[in-house]
Amino acid sequence: MNIIVTGASRGIGYATVKKLAEKDSHSIIAISRNGEALEKLKDECAQINSNARIIPFPFDLVQGVIIDELEPLVREYLGSVDRLVNNAGRMINKPFEDFTEEEFDEIFDVNVKSVFNLIQSVLPLFNENGHIVNISSMGGYQGSAKFPGLSLYSASKGALTIMSEALAEELKEKKISSNSLALGAVQTEMLGEAFPGVQAPLKPEEMAEFVAEFTLTGHKYFNGKTLPVSSSTP
């Protein structure tokens, strides 16, 4: 399959690319601003499965012009797209009254607008039975426990989940599925930066196993759904 994964230089994105490489001889464009980490990821995947093809693409999804820079690369190296995992995200832990307008834009540009731009740009390249997987958060899942300091992060993830659901309806005739995964706490670098000292119940590799399998097969069972992936209650 031809797959695109964003936020692939660390955490869940990094581990998901490795799990996908392990499962089959997929061609995967791995996107992140950190080119050095992507090259390391490529080398590790080659050791896992030499038949998997990893295409590192250092790219800023907010500052870069996706339609001019990324879309031509997808055409050149993949030709078409079967799976898209929108994993790149931005979290800032800060009291609501202290947030600036610039920080609001920063969070929503990464967590919502860049996803919109990427999907819109590569949509013409999607094959039938394609699957778009948007990595959301339990913070953006209605009725879940909320945490102080994550008002904007949670709001952006809530917007992402609704966009995922609405997109599924629009793409029915194209036979492309769209789902979002509302993940619970995972011991990623992003979590550690926002909440120093907090210990999450899952490692990135453990969550990546679920994300990778859902990316490949979840469209058979779900479309337009937001699935809570968390052991917490609520």
Protein backbone atom coordinates (compact mmCIF):
# COMPACT_ATOMS: atom_id res chain seq x y z
CA MET A 1 0.00 0.00 0.00
CA ASN A 2 0.97 3.64 -0.45
CA ILE A 3 0.84 5.43 2.90
CA ILE A 4 1.52 8.92 4.26
CA VAL A 5 2.25 9.49 7.96
CA THR A 6 2.77 12.94 9.46
CA GLY A 7 4.53 13.74 12.71
CA ALA A 8 6.80 10.77 11.99
CA SER A 9 10.01 11.90 13.69
CA ARG A 10 9.07 10.87 17.22
CA GLY A 11 6.45 9.34 19.48
CA ILE A 12 3.42 7.58 18.05
CA GLY A 13 4.14 8.66 14.46
CA TYR A 14 7.68 7.26 14.54
CA ALA A 15 6.50 3.99 16.08
CA THR A 16 3.54 3.72 13.67
CA VAL A 17 5.80 3.92 10.61
CA LYS A 18 7.93 1.12 12.07
CA LYS A 19 4.87 -1.04 12.74
CA LEU A 20 3.57 -0.47 9.21
CA ALA A 21 6.98 -1.37 7.78
CA GLU A 22 6.97 -4.52 9.87
CA LYS A 23 3.57 -5.64 8.59
CA ASP A 24 4.21 -5.59 4.81
CA SER A 25 6.18 -4.11 1.93
CA HIS A 26 4.41 -0.77 2.04
CA SER A 27 5.68 2.47 0.52
CA ILE A 28 5.50 5.14 3.20
CA ILE A 29 6.14 8.87 3.00
CA ALA A 30 7.20 9.91 6.50
CA ILE A 31 6.74 13.63 7.17
CA SER A 32 8.27 15.78 9.89
CA ARG A 33 10.35 18.92 10.29
CA ASN A 34 13.17 16.81 11.73
CA GLY A 35 15.02 15.35 8.74
CA GLU A 36 17.72 13.70 10.84
CA ALA A 37 15.17 11.71 12.82
CA LEU A 38 13.43 10.65 9.61
CA GLU A 39 16.70 9.27 8.22
CA LYS A 40 17.16 7.30 11.44
CA LEU A 41 13.62 5.99 11.07
CA LYS A 42 14.35 4.92 7.49
CA ASP A 43 17.43 2.98 8.59
CA GLU A 44 15.55 1.24 11.40
CA CYS A 45 12.71 0.25 9.06
CA ALA A 46 15.21 -1.19 6.58
CA GLN A 47 16.46 -3.49 9.33
CA ILE A 48 12.91 -4.55 10.14
CA ASN A 49 11.84 -5.22 6.54
CA SER A 50 14.15 -4.50 3.63
CA ASN A 51 11.21 -4.64 1.22
CA ALA A 52 9.39 -1.75 2.90
CA ARG A 53 10.12 1.59 1.24
CA ILE A 54 10.38 4.63 3.52
CA ILE A 55 10.57 8.05 1.88
CA PRO A 56 11.68 10.67 4.44
CA PHE A 57 10.31 14.12 3.72
CA PRO A 58 11.44 16.96 5.99
CA PHE A 59 8.56 19.41 5.72
CA ASP A 60 6.78 22.00 7.84
CA LEU A 61 3.06 21.38 7.44
CA VAL A 62 2.22 24.89 8.64
CA GLN A 63 4.88 27.02 6.93
CA GLY A 64 5.30 24.89 3.80
CA VAL A 65 3.08 25.11 0.72
CA ILE A 66 1.60 21.61 0.60
CA ILE A 67 0.07 21.84 -2.87
CA ASP A 68 3.37 23.06 -4.39
CA GLU A 69 5.91 21.02 -2.40
CA LEU A 70 4.35 17.90 -0.91
CA GLU A 71 1.76 16.95 -3.51
CA PRO A 72 4.34 16.69 -6.35
CA LEU A 73 6.49 14.42 -4.14
CA VAL A 74 3.52 12.13 -3.52
CA ARG A 75 2.88 11.94 -7.26
CA GLU A 76 6.53 11.18 -7.98
CA TYR A 77 7.21 8.56 -5.32
CA LEU A 78 3.80 6.99 -4.71
CA GLY A 79 1.64 7.92 -7.69
CA SER A 80 -1.48 7.27 -5.62
CA VAL A 81 -2.50 7.08 -1.96
CA ASP A 82 -4.20 4.30 -0.02
CA ARG A 83 -3.78 5.47 3.57
CA LEU A 84 -3.18 8.82 5.25
CA VAL A 85 -2.37 9.11 8.96
CA ASN A 86 -2.60 12.70 10.23
CA ASN A 87 -0.60 12.34 13.41
CA ALA A 88 1.31 15.64 13.66
CA GLY A 89 0.10 17.65 16.63
CA ARG A 90 0.86 20.58 18.91
CA MET A 91 0.11 20.70 22.65
CA ILE A 92 0.56 23.67 24.99
CA ASN A 93 -0.26 23.32 28.69
CA LYS A 94 -1.29 26.76 29.90
CA PRO A 95 -4.14 28.38 31.86
CA PHE A 96 -6.91 29.56 29.57
CA GLU A 97 -6.61 33.21 30.60
CA ASP A 98 -2.89 33.24 29.75
CA PHE A 99 -3.15 31.99 26.18
CA THR A 100 -2.26 34.45 23.44
CA GLU A 101 -3.90 34.77 20.05
CA GLU A 102 -0.62 33.63 18.50
CA GLU A 103 -0.70 30.43 20.55
CA PHE A 104 -4.31 29.86 19.55
CA ASP A 105 -3.28 30.09 15.89
CA GLU A 106 -0.26 27.86 16.47
CA ILE A 107 -2.33 25.05 17.97
CA PHE A 108 -5.17 25.22 15.45
CA ASP A 109 -2.80 25.63 12.49
CA VAL A 110 -1.06 22.37 13.33
CA ASN A 111 -3.95 20.31 14.70
CA VAL A 112 -6.71 21.35 12.30
CA LYS A 113 -5.67 23.59 9.41
CA SER A 114 -2.65 21.53 8.30
CA VAL A 115 -4.83 18.41 8.28
CA PHE A 116 -7.41 20.19 6.12
CA ASN A 117 -4.71 21.36 3.71
CA LEU A 118 -3.04 17.97 3.42
CA ILE A 119 -6.25 16.03 2.87
CA GLN A 120 -7.46 18.53 0.29
CA SER A 121 -4.14 18.40 -1.58
CA VAL A 122 -3.78 14.62 -1.85
CA LEU A 123 -7.47 13.75 -2.20
CA PRO A 124 -7.29 13.55 -6.03
CA LEU A 125 -4.58 10.88 -5.63
CA PHE A 126 -6.61 8.58 -3.38
CA ASN A 127 -7.53 5.10 -4.57
CA GLU A 128 -10.91 3.54 -3.88
CA ASN A 129 -11.17 1.90 -0.45
CA GLY A 130 -8.74 4.52 0.85
CA HIS A 131 -8.64 5.35 4.53
CA ILE A 132 -7.93 8.66 6.25
CA VAL A 133 -7.03 8.31 9.93
CA ASN A 134 -6.90 11.47 12.02
CA ILE A 135 -5.15 11.12 15.37
CA SER A 136 -7.28 12.97 17.89
CA SER A 137 -7.34 12.91 21.68
CA MET A 138 -9.65 11.97 24.53
CA GLY A 139 -9.44 15.65 25.40
CA GLY A 140 -11.46 16.35 22.26
CA TYR A 141 -13.97 13.57 22.91
CA GLN A 142 -17.34 14.72 24.25
CA GLY A 143 -18.06 13.55 27.78
CA SER A 144 -14.49 12.56 28.62
CA ALA A 145 -12.53 13.85 31.59
CA LYS A 146 -10.86 17.19 30.83
CA PHE A 147 -7.61 18.59 32.20
CA PRO A 148 -6.70 22.16 33.20
CA GLY A 149 -4.29 23.81 30.81
CA LEU A 150 -5.45 21.94 27.72
CA SER A 151 -8.47 24.03 26.71
CA LEU A 152 -7.15 24.98 23.28
CA TYR A 153 -5.53 21.62 22.60
CA SER A 154 -8.78 19.85 23.47
CA ALA A 155 -10.84 22.30 21.41
CA SER A 156 -8.62 21.76 18.37
CA LYS A 157 -8.91 17.99 18.69
CA GLY A 158 -12.67 18.33 19.02
CA ALA A 159 -12.70 20.26 15.74
CA LEU A 160 -10.59 17.53 14.14
CA THR A 161 -12.99 14.79 15.18
CA ILE A 162 -16.00 16.60 13.74
CA MET A 163 -14.13 17.30 10.50
CA SER A 164 -13.31 13.59 10.29
CA GLU A 165 -16.94 12.63 10.73
CA ALA A 166 -18.22 15.17 8.19
CA LEU A 167 -15.54 14.22 5.69
CA ALA A 168 -16.68 10.61 5.70
CA GLU A 169 -20.09 11.70 4.45
CA GLU A 170 -18.60 13.84 1.69
CA LEU A 171 -16.27 11.09 0.48
CA LYS A 172 -18.80 8.24 0.37
CA GLU A 173 -19.15 8.34 -3.40
CA LYS A 174 -15.37 8.26 -3.80
CA LYS A 175 -15.29 5.16 -1.56
CA ILE A 176 -12.84 6.76 0.84
CA SER A 177 -13.31 6.26 4.58
CA SER A 178 -12.47 8.81 7.25
CA ASN A 179 -12.15 8.06 10.95
CA SER A 180 -10.46 9.57 13.98
CA LEU A 181 -8.85 7.90 16.97
CA ALA A 182 -9.27 9.72 20.28
CA LEU A 183 -6.16 8.53 22.07
CA GLY A 184 -5.68 8.49 25.80
CA ALA A 185 -2.38 9.33 27.50
CA VAL A 186 0.72 7.83 25.89
CA GLN A 187 4.28 8.33 27.15
CA THR A 188 5.44 10.50 24.26
CA GLU A 189 7.90 13.37 24.15
CA MET A 190 5.01 15.78 23.58
CA LEU A 191 3.26 14.60 26.74
CA GLY A 192 6.49 14.85 28.70
CA GLU A 193 7.08 18.41 27.51
CA ALA A 194 3.57 19.51 28.48
CA PHE A 195 3.39 17.51 31.74
CA PRO A 196 6.89 16.90 33.13
CA GLY A 197 7.03 13.89 35.41
CA VAL A 198 3.68 12.41 34.39
CA GLN A 199 3.73 8.67 33.68
CA ALA A 200 1.25 7.46 31.06
CA PRO A 201 -0.04 3.86 31.01
CA LEU A 202 1.11 3.14 27.44
CA LYS A 203 4.34 3.45 25.48
CA PRO A 204 4.28 4.82 21.90
CA GLU A 205 5.11 1.35 20.53
CA GLU A 206 2.07 -0.15 22.21
CA MET A 207 -0.32 2.47 20.87
CA ALA A 208 1.34 2.33 17.45
CA GLU A 209 0.43 -1.34 17.10
CA PHE A 210 -3.24 -0.41 17.36
CA VAL A 211 -2.92 2.66 15.11
CA ALA A 212 -1.09 0.75 12.38
CA GLU A 213 -3.59 -2.10 12.31
CA PHE A 214 -6.54 0.31 12.37
CA THR A 215 -5.00 2.29 9.51
CA LEU A 216 -4.78 -0.83 7.36
CA THR A 217 -8.09 -2.50 8.20
CA GLY A 218 -10.30 -0.14 10.25
CA HIS A 219 -12.21 1.11 7.19
CA LYS A 220 -13.78 -2.33 6.87
CA TYR A 221 -15.66 -1.78 10.11
CA PHE A 222 -15.88 1.98 10.65
CA ASN A 223 -16.53 5.16 8.69
CA GLY A 224 -17.20 8.62 10.04
CA LYS A 225 -16.49 7.43 13.56
CA THR A 226 -14.39 8.74 16.43
CA LEU A 227 -13.13 5.83 18.48
CA PRO A 228 -11.99 6.43 22.07
CA VAL A 229 -8.75 4.48 22.55
CA SER A 230 -8.25 4.73 26.27
CA SER A 231 -8.52 2.58 29.37
CA SER A 232 -9.66 5.54 31.47
CA THR A 233 -13.26 6.12 32.60
CA PRO A 234 -14.89 8.28 31.46
